[in-house]
Amino acid sequence: MKKWICGGLLILLIMAVAVAGFIYNSNISDNQDMPESLVVVSPHPTEFIIPLIQEFEGEIGINVEIISCGTTEAIESITNDSNIDVLWGGSLLSVGPYKDSFYPYVSLNRAVYKSVFS
């Protein structure tokens, strides 16, 4: 049971780092200024994500607005609201049909993830 909990926390940490890296890299390229804020929509419980968001804000220096809602409402927000920057959560089954609403992204560390999780 401990392995599942540790594995789950590791996956969530990797996802948080990947999102931070993506945002950092996409905003630094072409000499653009860092955004002052970021809007994250998530079906995760707020008591789970708030500490991670606070750590992100402290390390990266970007304020984060959290919109907490179910996966269906989160996807509706993304497809109808251009102010949403990141979806944090949801499953491939629920998000997959809306892949055209997301920017493609492949982590620079993909080979590392594959070696760790294969």
C-alpha atoms as a PDB file:
ATOM      1  CA  MET A   1       0.000   0.000   0.000  1.00  0.00           C
ATOM      2  CA  LYS A   2       2.870   2.369   0.816  1.00  0.00           C
ATOM      3  CA  LYS A   3       4.321   1.793  -2.668  1.00  0.00           C
ATOM      4  CA  TRP A   4       1.024   2.916  -4.262  1.00  0.00           C
ATOM      5  CA  ILE A   5       0.852   6.045  -2.122  1.00  0.00           C
ATOM      6  CA  CYS A   6       4.512   6.915  -2.777  1.00  0.00           C
ATOM      7  CA  GLY A   7       4.088   6.183  -6.486  1.00  0.00           C
ATOM      8  CA  GLY A   8       0.987   8.372  -6.652  1.00  0.00           C
ATOM      9  CA  LEU A   9       2.717  11.238  -4.861  1.00  0.00           C
ATOM     10  CA  LEU A  10       5.734  10.882  -7.150  1.00  0.00           C
ATOM     11  CA  ILE A  11       3.522  11.049 -10.233  1.00  0.00           C
ATOM     12  CA  LEU A  12       1.745  14.153  -8.907  1.00  0.00           C
ATOM     13  CA  LEU A  13       5.067  15.819  -8.095  1.00  0.00           C
ATOM     14  CA  ILE A  14       6.369  15.034 -11.580  1.00  0.00           C
ATOM     15  CA  MET A  15       3.190  16.494 -13.085  1.00  0.00           C
ATOM     16  CA  ALA A  16       3.574  19.664 -11.016  1.00  0.00           C
ATOM     17  CA  VAL A  17       7.213  20.037 -12.078  1.00  0.00           C
ATOM     18  CA  ALA A  18       6.272  19.383 -15.718  1.00  0.00           C
ATOM     19  CA  VAL A  19       3.566  22.063 -15.610  1.00  0.00           C
ATOM     20  CA  ALA A  20       5.962  24.512 -13.968  1.00  0.00           C
ATOM     21  CA  GLY A  21       8.663  23.744 -16.533  1.00  0.00           C
ATOM     22  CA  PHE A  22       6.248  24.077 -19.414  1.00  0.00           C
ATOM     23  CA  ILE A  23       4.962  27.424 -18.189  1.00  0.00           C
ATOM     24  CA  TYR A  24       8.463  28.668 -17.456  1.00  0.00           C
ATOM     25  CA  ASN A  25       9.897  27.540 -20.805  1.00  0.00           C
ATOM     26  CA  SER A  26       6.957  28.698 -22.900  1.00  0.00           C
ATOM     27  CA  ASN A  27       6.998  32.140 -21.338  1.00  0.00           C
ATOM     28  CA  ILE A  28      10.756  32.639 -21.417  1.00  0.00           C
ATOM     29  CA  SER A  29      11.104  31.743 -25.086  1.00  0.00           C
ATOM     30  CA  ASP A  30      11.121  34.622 -27.542  1.00  0.00           C
ATOM     31  CA  ASN A  31      12.215  36.941 -24.700  1.00  0.00           C
ATOM     32  CA  GLN A  32       8.678  37.269 -23.385  1.00  0.00           C
ATOM     33  CA  ASP A  33       8.120  38.487 -19.849  1.00  0.00           C
ATOM     34  CA  MET A  34       6.902  36.038 -17.229  1.00  0.00           C
ATOM     35  CA  PRO A  35       3.156  36.283 -16.639  1.00  0.00           C
ATOM     36  CA  GLU A  36       2.053  37.857 -13.385  1.00  0.00           C
ATOM     37  CA  SER A  37      -0.603  35.228 -12.774  1.00  0.00           C
ATOM     38  CA  LEU A  38      -1.798  31.841 -13.888  1.00  0.00           C
ATOM     39  CA  VAL A  39      -5.333  30.426 -13.846  1.00  0.00           C
ATOM     40  CA  VAL A  40      -5.482  26.724 -12.965  1.00  0.00           C
ATOM     41  CA  VAL A  41      -8.732  24.768 -13.150  1.00  0.00           C
ATOM     42  CA  SER A  42      -8.716  21.480 -11.274  1.00  0.00           C
ATOM     43  CA  PRO A  43     -11.008  18.727 -10.037  1.00  0.00           C
ATOM     44  CA  HIS A  44      -8.481  17.840  -7.300  1.00  0.00           C
ATOM     45  CA  PRO A  45      -9.452  18.622  -3.687  1.00  0.00           C
ATOM     46  CA  THR A  46      -8.218  22.094  -2.744  1.00  0.00           C
ATOM     47  CA  GLU A  47      -6.633  20.823   0.476  1.00  0.00           C
ATOM     48  CA  PHE A  48      -4.395  18.682  -1.728  1.00  0.00           C
ATOM     49  CA  ILE A  49      -3.376  21.293  -4.317  1.00  0.00           C
ATOM     50  CA  ILE A  50      -3.083  24.455  -2.215  1.00  0.00           C
ATOM     51  CA  PRO A  51       0.265  23.485  -0.609  1.00  0.00           C
ATOM     52  CA  LEU A  52       1.689  22.555  -4.030  1.00  0.00           C
ATOM     53  CA  ILE A  53       0.408  25.783  -5.597  1.00  0.00           C
ATOM     54  CA  GLN A  54       1.914  27.806  -2.729  1.00  0.00           C
ATOM     55  CA  GLU A  55       5.269  26.110  -3.263  1.00  0.00           C
ATOM     56  CA  PHE A  56       5.046  26.823  -7.014  1.00  0.00           C
ATOM     57  CA  GLU A  57       4.226  30.490  -6.340  1.00  0.00           C
ATOM     58  CA  GLY A  58       7.157  30.789  -3.945  1.00  0.00           C
ATOM     59  CA  GLU A  59       9.687  29.162  -6.257  1.00  0.00           C
ATOM     60  CA  ILE A  60       8.541  30.552  -9.612  1.00  0.00           C
ATOM     61  CA  GLY A  61       7.120  33.892  -8.480  1.00  0.00           C
ATOM     62  CA  ILE A  62       3.838  33.640 -10.375  1.00  0.00           C
ATOM     63  CA  ASN A  63       0.520  34.094  -8.565  1.00  0.00           C
ATOM     64  CA  VAL A  64      -1.948  31.272  -9.174  1.00  0.00           C
ATOM     65  CA  GLU A  65      -5.719  31.522  -9.174  1.00  0.00           C
ATOM     66  CA  ILE A  66      -7.322  28.137  -8.513  1.00  0.00           C
ATOM     67  CA  ILE A  67     -10.739  27.293  -9.905  1.00  0.00           C
ATOM     68  CA  SER A  68     -11.914  24.138  -8.163  1.00  0.00           C
ATOM     69  CA  CYS A  69     -14.644  22.168  -9.919  1.00  0.00           C
ATOM     70  CA  GLY A  70     -15.452  18.751 -11.347  1.00  0.00           C
ATOM     71  CA  THR A  71     -13.731  17.436 -14.468  1.00  0.00           C
ATOM     72  CA  THR A  72     -16.732  18.090 -16.725  1.00  0.00           C
ATOM     73  CA  GLU A  73     -17.018  21.705 -15.565  1.00  0.00           C
ATOM     74  CA  ALA A  74     -13.230  22.129 -15.866  1.00  0.00           C
ATOM     75  CA  ILE A  75     -13.304  20.994 -19.485  1.00  0.00           C
ATOM     76  CA  GLU A  76     -16.266  23.284 -20.211  1.00  0.00           C
ATOM     77  CA  SER A  77     -14.268  26.156 -18.684  1.00  0.00           C
ATOM     78  CA  ILE A  78     -11.306  25.413 -20.932  1.00  0.00           C
ATOM     79  CA  THR A  79     -13.375  25.126 -24.105  1.00  0.00           C
ATOM     80  CA  ASN A  80     -15.401  28.280 -23.341  1.00  0.00           C
ATOM     81  CA  ASP A  81     -12.955  30.537 -21.474  1.00  0.00           C
ATOM     82  CA  SER A  82      -9.665  31.679 -22.955  1.00  0.00           C
ATOM     83  CA  ASN A  83      -8.532  32.871 -19.500  1.00  0.00           C
ATOM     84  CA  ILE A  84      -7.862  29.316 -18.271  1.00  0.00           C
ATOM     85  CA  ASP A  85      -4.157  28.503 -18.529  1.00  0.00           C
ATOM     86  CA  VAL A  86      -3.818  24.992 -17.107  1.00  0.00           C
ATOM     87  CA  LEU A  87      -6.018  21.970 -16.421  1.00  0.00           C
ATOM     88  CA  TRP A  88      -4.588  20.064 -13.505  1.00  0.00           C
ATOM     89  CA  GLY A  89      -6.337  16.724 -13.261  1.00  0.00           C
ATOM     90  CA  GLY A  90      -8.875  14.701 -15.144  1.00  0.00           C
ATOM     91  CA  SER A  91      -8.372  11.358 -16.787  1.00  0.00           C
ATOM     92  CA  LEU A  92      -7.455  10.489 -20.346  1.00  0.00           C
ATOM     93  CA  LEU A  93     -10.980   9.165 -20.845  1.00  0.00           C
ATOM     94  CA  SER A  94     -12.593  12.453 -19.821  1.00  0.00           C
ATOM     95  CA  VAL A  95     -10.054  14.839 -21.363  1.00  0.00           C
ATOM     96  CA  GLY A  96      -9.078  12.860 -24.489  1.00  0.00           C
ATOM     97  CA  PRO A  97     -12.089  13.853 -26.617  1.00  0.00           C
ATOM     98  CA  TYR A  98     -11.143  17.522 -26.078  1.00  0.00           C
ATOM     99  CA  LYS A  99      -7.471  17.209 -27.047  1.00  0.00           C
ATOM    100  CA  ASP A 100      -7.890  19.956 -29.650  1.00  0.00           C
ATOM    101  CA  SER A 101      -8.496  22.408 -26.791  1.00  0.00           C
ATOM    102  CA  PHE A 102      -4.965  21.831 -25.453  1.00  0.00           C
ATOM    103  CA  TYR A 103      -1.510  22.734 -26.697  1.00  0.00           C
ATOM    104  CA  PRO A 104       0.649  19.722 -27.494  1.00  0.00           C
ATOM    105  CA  TYR A 105       3.457  19.214 -25.018  1.00  0.00           C
ATOM    106  CA  VAL A 106       6.161  16.614 -24.627  1.00  0.00           C
ATOM    107  CA  SER A 107       8.321  16.961 -21.544  1.00  0.00           C
ATOM    108  CA  LEU A 108      12.036  17.425 -22.054  1.00  0.00           C
ATOM    109  CA  ASN A 109      12.394  14.694 -19.423  1.00  0.00           C
ATOM    110  CA  ARG A 110      10.222  12.143 -21.214  1.00  0.00           C
ATOM    111  CA  ALA A 111      13.076   9.624 -21.514  1.00  0.00           C
ATOM    112  CA  VAL A 112      13.642   9.825 -17.749  1.00  0.00           C
ATOM    113  CA  TYR A 113       9.939   9.225 -17.035  1.00  0.00           C
ATOM    114  CA  LYS A 114       9.892   6.254 -19.368  1.00  0.00           C
ATOM    115  CA  SER A 115      12.930   4.688 -17.695  1.00  0.00           C
ATOM    116  CA  VAL A 116      11.510   5.215 -14.196  1.00  0.00           C
ATOM    117  CA  PHE A 117       8.002   3.951 -14.962  1.00  0.00           C
ATOM    118  CA  SER A 118       8.733   1.101 -17.349  1.00  0.00           C
END
